[in-house]
Amino acid sequence: MSARLNYFQQSPELAKKFLEFSNVLQTSAIEQGIRDLVNIRASQLNGCAFCLDMHVKEAKIHAERDRPMVCPTTSTTAFARSCPTRSCRT
């Protein structure tokens, strides 16, 4: 297993800008639940299991418990095409 990429070493300016953007987004008019769902979908599309797990846990903390949020794969796999909630299809 390889080590995770250190974004601040790889691209410090871009990582700093991303954190600034994330901080501004926290005070925006976009509801927390919507931001959580966008983060989950972005992690699905990026194929990052670590981020997907983290964002699902955050969404559950923010009361997204009852809504089906995520299937464990992206829409390119056979499992996603058979997803019962259809949330993996785009």
N, C-alpha and C. Protein backbone atom coordinates (compact mmCIF):
# COMPACT_ATOMS: atom_id res chain seq x y z
N MET A 1 0.84 -1.17 0.00
CA MET A 1 0.00 0.00 0.00
C MET A 1 0.89 1.24 0.00
N SER A 2 0.59 2.16 -0.88
CA SER A 2 1.40 3.38 -0.96
C SER A 2 0.87 4.44 0.00
N ALA A 3 1.73 5.36 0.36
CA ALA A 3 1.36 6.44 1.26
C ALA A 3 0.44 7.42 0.54
N ARG A 4 -0.43 8.04 1.32
CA ARG A 4 -1.33 9.04 0.73
C ARG A 4 -0.53 10.28 0.31
N LEU A 5 -1.00 10.92 -0.71
CA LEU A 5 -0.35 12.12 -1.24
C LEU A 5 -0.47 13.27 -0.24
N ASN A 6 0.63 13.94 0.02
CA ASN A 6 0.62 15.12 0.88
C ASN A 6 0.42 16.34 -0.01
N TYR A 7 -0.80 16.86 -0.03
CA TYR A 7 -1.15 17.96 -0.93
C TYR A 7 -0.36 19.23 -0.62
N PHE A 8 -0.04 19.44 0.65
CA PHE A 8 0.69 20.66 0.99
C PHE A 8 2.15 20.59 0.55
N GLN A 9 2.71 19.40 0.46
CA GLN A 9 4.05 19.26 -0.09
C GLN A 9 4.01 19.33 -1.61
N GLN A 10 3.05 18.66 -2.20
CA GLN A 10 2.96 18.56 -3.66
C GLN A 10 2.64 19.91 -4.31
N SER A 11 1.66 20.61 -3.76
CA SER A 11 1.22 21.87 -4.35
C SER A 11 0.72 22.80 -3.24
N PRO A 12 1.64 23.43 -2.53
CA PRO A 12 1.25 24.23 -1.36
C PRO A 12 0.30 25.38 -1.66
N GLU A 13 0.49 26.06 -2.77
CA GLU A 13 -0.39 27.19 -3.11
C GLU A 13 -1.81 26.71 -3.40
N LEU A 14 -1.93 25.65 -4.17
CA LEU A 14 -3.24 25.12 -4.49
C LEU A 14 -3.94 24.58 -3.24
N ALA A 15 -3.22 23.89 -2.38
CA ALA A 15 -3.80 23.37 -1.14
C ALA A 15 -4.27 24.51 -0.26
N LYS A 16 -3.50 25.57 -0.19
CA LYS A 16 -3.89 26.74 0.61
C LYS A 16 -5.16 27.38 0.05
N LYS A 17 -5.24 27.52 -1.26
CA LYS A 17 -6.43 28.10 -1.89
C LYS A 17 -7.66 27.22 -1.66
N PHE A 18 -7.47 25.90 -1.72
CA PHE A 18 -8.58 24.99 -1.48
C PHE A 18 -9.10 25.14 -0.05
N LEU A 19 -8.20 25.24 0.92
CA LEU A 19 -8.64 25.44 2.30
C LEU A 19 -9.35 26.77 2.49
N GLU A 20 -8.86 27.81 1.84
CA GLU A 20 -9.53 29.11 1.91
C GLU A 20 -10.95 29.01 1.33
N PHE A 21 -11.07 28.35 0.18
CA PHE A 21 -12.37 28.15 -0.45
C PHE A 21 -13.31 27.37 0.47
N SER A 22 -12.79 26.30 1.08
CA SER A 22 -13.60 25.48 1.98
C SER A 22 -14.09 26.29 3.18
N ASN A 23 -13.24 27.15 3.70
CA ASN A 23 -13.64 27.98 4.84
C ASN A 23 -14.71 28.99 4.45
N VAL A 24 -14.60 29.58 3.28
CA VAL A 24 -15.62 30.52 2.81
C VAL A 24 -16.93 29.80 2.57
N LEU A 25 -16.86 28.61 2.03
CA LEU A 25 -18.05 27.82 1.74
C LEU A 25 -18.84 27.52 3.01
N GLN A 26 -18.17 27.36 4.13
CA GLN A 26 -18.84 27.08 5.40
C GLN A 26 -19.79 28.19 5.81
N THR A 27 -19.53 29.40 5.38
CA THR A 27 -20.38 30.54 5.75
C THR A 27 -21.32 30.95 4.62
N SER A 28 -21.41 30.13 3.58
CA SER A 28 -22.25 30.47 2.43
C SER A 28 -23.72 30.14 2.71
N ALA A 29 -24.59 30.49 1.78
CA ALA A 29 -26.01 30.22 1.90
C ALA A 29 -26.38 28.79 1.54
N ILE A 30 -25.43 28.02 1.05
CA ILE A 30 -25.69 26.63 0.67
C ILE A 30 -25.83 25.80 1.95
N GLU A 31 -26.94 25.05 2.05
CA GLU A 31 -27.20 24.25 3.24
C GLU A 31 -26.13 23.20 3.47
N GLN A 32 -25.89 22.89 4.73
CA GLN A 32 -24.87 21.90 5.09
C GLN A 32 -25.16 20.54 4.46
N GLY A 33 -26.42 20.12 4.45
CA GLY A 33 -26.78 18.84 3.86
C GLY A 33 -26.43 18.75 2.39
N ILE A 34 -26.64 19.84 1.66
CA ILE A 34 -26.30 19.88 0.23
C ILE A 34 -24.79 19.81 0.06
N ARG A 35 -24.06 20.55 0.88
CA ARG A 35 -22.58 20.51 0.80
C ARG A 35 -22.08 19.10 1.09
N ASP A 36 -22.68 18.43 2.07
CA ASP A 36 -22.27 17.06 2.38
C ASP A 36 -22.51 16.13 1.20
N LEU A 37 -23.67 16.24 0.57
CA LEU A 37 -23.98 15.37 -0.56
C LEU A 37 -23.06 15.65 -1.76
N VAL A 38 -22.70 16.90 -1.97
CA VAL A 38 -21.76 17.24 -3.04
C VAL A 38 -20.39 16.64 -2.74
N ASN A 39 -19.95 16.74 -1.49
CA ASN A 39 -18.66 16.14 -1.11
C ASN A 39 -18.66 14.62 -1.32
N ILE A 40 -19.77 13.99 -0.98
CA ILE A 40 -19.88 12.54 -1.16
C ILE A 40 -19.80 12.19 -2.64
N ARG A 41 -20.54 12.90 -3.46
CA ARG A 41 -20.53 12.60 -4.90
C ARG A 41 -19.17 12.86 -5.51
N ALA A 42 -18.51 13.93 -5.11
CA ALA A 42 -17.17 14.21 -5.63
C ALA A 42 -16.20 13.09 -5.26
N SER A 43 -16.32 12.57 -4.05
CA SER A 43 -15.46 11.46 -3.64
C SER A 43 -15.76 10.20 -4.42
N GLN A 44 -17.04 9.98 -4.75
CA GLN A 44 -17.40 8.84 -5.59
C GLN A 44 -16.74 8.98 -6.96
N LEU A 45 -16.87 10.15 -7.54
CA LEU A 45 -16.32 10.37 -8.89
C LEU A 45 -14.80 10.27 -8.90
N ASN A 46 -14.17 10.72 -7.82
CA ASN A 46 -12.71 10.64 -7.72
C ASN A 46 -12.23 9.24 -7.38
N GLY A 47 -13.14 8.39 -6.92
CA GLY A 47 -12.77 7.03 -6.58
C GLY A 47 -11.93 6.93 -5.32
N CYS A 48 -12.11 7.88 -4.42
CA CYS A 48 -11.30 7.91 -3.19
C CYS A 48 -12.11 7.34 -2.03
N ALA A 49 -11.82 6.10 -1.66
CA ALA A 49 -12.55 5.43 -0.58
C ALA A 49 -12.34 6.13 0.76
N PHE A 50 -11.14 6.64 1.00
CA PHE A 50 -10.86 7.35 2.26
C PHE A 50 -11.75 8.58 2.39
N CYS A 51 -11.79 9.41 1.34
CA CYS A 51 -12.60 10.63 1.37
C CYS A 51 -14.09 10.30 1.41
N LEU A 52 -14.50 9.30 0.66
CA LEU A 52 -15.89 8.88 0.66
C LEU A 52 -16.33 8.49 2.06
N ASP A 53 -15.55 7.68 2.72
CA ASP A 53 -15.86 7.27 4.09
C ASP A 53 -15.94 8.48 5.02
N MET A 54 -14.98 9.38 4.90
CA MET A 54 -14.95 10.56 5.75
C MET A 54 -16.19 11.43 5.53
N HIS A 55 -16.55 11.67 4.26
CA HIS A 55 -17.68 12.55 3.98
C HIS A 55 -19.02 11.92 4.35
N VAL A 56 -19.14 10.60 4.23
CA VAL A 56 -20.37 9.93 4.68
C VAL A 56 -20.50 10.07 6.19
N LYS A 57 -19.42 9.89 6.91
CA LYS A 57 -19.45 10.05 8.37
C LYS A 57 -19.81 11.48 8.75
N GLU A 58 -19.24 12.45 8.05
CA GLU A 58 -19.58 13.85 8.33
C GLU A 58 -21.06 14.12 8.07
N ALA A 59 -21.59 13.58 6.99
CA ALA A 59 -22.99 13.79 6.65
C ALA A 59 -23.90 13.18 7.72
N LYS A 60 -23.52 12.03 8.24
CA LYS A 60 -24.31 11.42 9.30
C LYS A 60 -24.30 12.28 10.56
N ILE A 61 -23.17 12.88 10.85
CA ILE A 61 -23.09 13.79 11.99
C ILE A 61 -24.01 14.99 11.79
N HIS A 62 -24.11 15.45 10.54
CA HIS A 62 -24.95 16.61 10.22
C HIS A 62 -26.40 16.21 9.93
N ALA A 63 -26.84 15.06 10.43
CA ALA A 63 -28.24 14.63 10.39
C ALA A 63 -28.73 14.15 9.04
N GLU A 64 -27.86 13.65 8.19
CA GLU A 64 -28.29 13.07 6.92
C GLU A 64 -28.47 11.56 7.10
N ARG A 65 -29.06 11.14 8.21
CA ARG A 65 -29.13 9.72 8.55
C ARG A 65 -30.17 8.95 7.76
N ASP A 66 -31.30 9.55 7.46
CA ASP A 66 -32.41 8.80 6.89
C ASP A 66 -32.40 8.74 5.37
N ARG A 67 -31.72 9.64 4.74
CA ARG A 67 -31.70 9.69 3.28
C ARG A 67 -30.65 8.72 2.75
N PRO A 68 -31.00 7.89 1.74
CA PRO A 68 -29.95 7.06 1.16
C PRO A 68 -28.92 7.95 0.48
N MET A 69 -27.67 7.88 0.93
CA MET A 69 -26.67 8.82 0.46
C MET A 69 -25.74 8.26 -0.58
N VAL A 70 -25.34 7.02 -0.41
CA VAL A 70 -24.21 6.58 -1.20
C VAL A 70 -24.24 5.06 -1.38
N CYS A 71 -23.81 4.66 -2.54
CA CYS A 71 -23.49 3.25 -2.78
C CYS A 71 -21.97 3.18 -2.80
N PRO A 72 -21.40 2.02 -2.53
CA PRO A 72 -19.95 1.94 -2.38
C PRO A 72 -19.15 2.05 -3.66
N THR A 73 -19.80 2.25 -4.79
CA THR A 73 -19.06 2.31 -6.05
C THR A 73 -19.55 3.48 -6.89
N THR A 74 -18.88 3.73 -7.98
CA THR A 74 -19.30 4.77 -8.90
C THR A 74 -20.15 4.17 -10.01
N SER A 75 -20.70 4.99 -10.85
CA SER A 75 -21.66 4.55 -11.86
C SER A 75 -21.03 3.74 -12.98
N THR A 76 -19.74 3.57 -12.98
CA THR A 76 -19.09 2.83 -14.07
C THR A 76 -19.03 1.33 -13.82
N THR A 77 -19.45 0.88 -12.66
CA THR A 77 -19.36 -0.55 -12.37
C THR A 77 -20.70 -1.24 -12.49
N ALA A 78 -20.66 -2.55 -12.64
CA ALA A 78 -21.90 -3.33 -12.74
C ALA A 78 -22.72 -3.22 -11.47
N PHE A 79 -22.05 -3.15 -10.31
CA PHE A 79 -22.77 -3.03 -9.05
C PHE A 79 -23.58 -1.74 -9.02
N ALA A 80 -22.98 -0.65 -9.47
CA ALA A 80 -23.67 0.63 -9.45
C ALA A 80 -24.88 0.62 -10.37
N ARG A 81 -24.77 -0.06 -11.51
CA ARG A 81 -25.89 -0.11 -12.43
C ARG A 81 -27.07 -0.87 -11.83
N SER A 82 -26.79 -1.75 -10.87
CA SER A 82 -27.87 -2.50 -10.23
C SER A 82 -28.24 -1.93 -8.86
N CYS A 83 -27.73 -0.77 -8.54
CA CYS A 83 -27.96 -0.15 -7.23
C CYS A 83 -29.45 0.04 -6.99
N PRO A 84 -29.96 -0.47 -5.86
CA PRO A 84 -31.40 -0.38 -5.60
C PRO A 84 -31.89 1.05 -5.37
N THR A 85 -31.03 1.95 -4.88
CA THR A 85 -31.47 3.31 -4.62
C THR A 85 -31.31 4.21 -5.83
N ARG A 86 -30.61 3.73 -6.84
CA ARG A 86 -30.33 4.49 -8.07
C ARG A 86 -29.49 5.75 -7.80
N SER A 87 -28.96 5.90 -6.60
CA SER A 87 -28.18 7.10 -6.28
C SER A 87 -26.81 7.09 -6.93
N CYS A 88 -26.37 5.94 -7.43
CA CYS A 88 -25.06 5.86 -8.06
C CYS A 88 -25.10 6.20 -9.54
N ARG A 89 -26.28 6.30 -10.07
CA ARG A 89 -26.39 6.56 -11.51
C ARG A 89 -26.39 8.06 -11.78
N THR A 90 -25.69 8.44 -12.81
CA THR A 90 -25.69 9.86 -13.18
C THR A 90 -26.10 10.00 -14.62
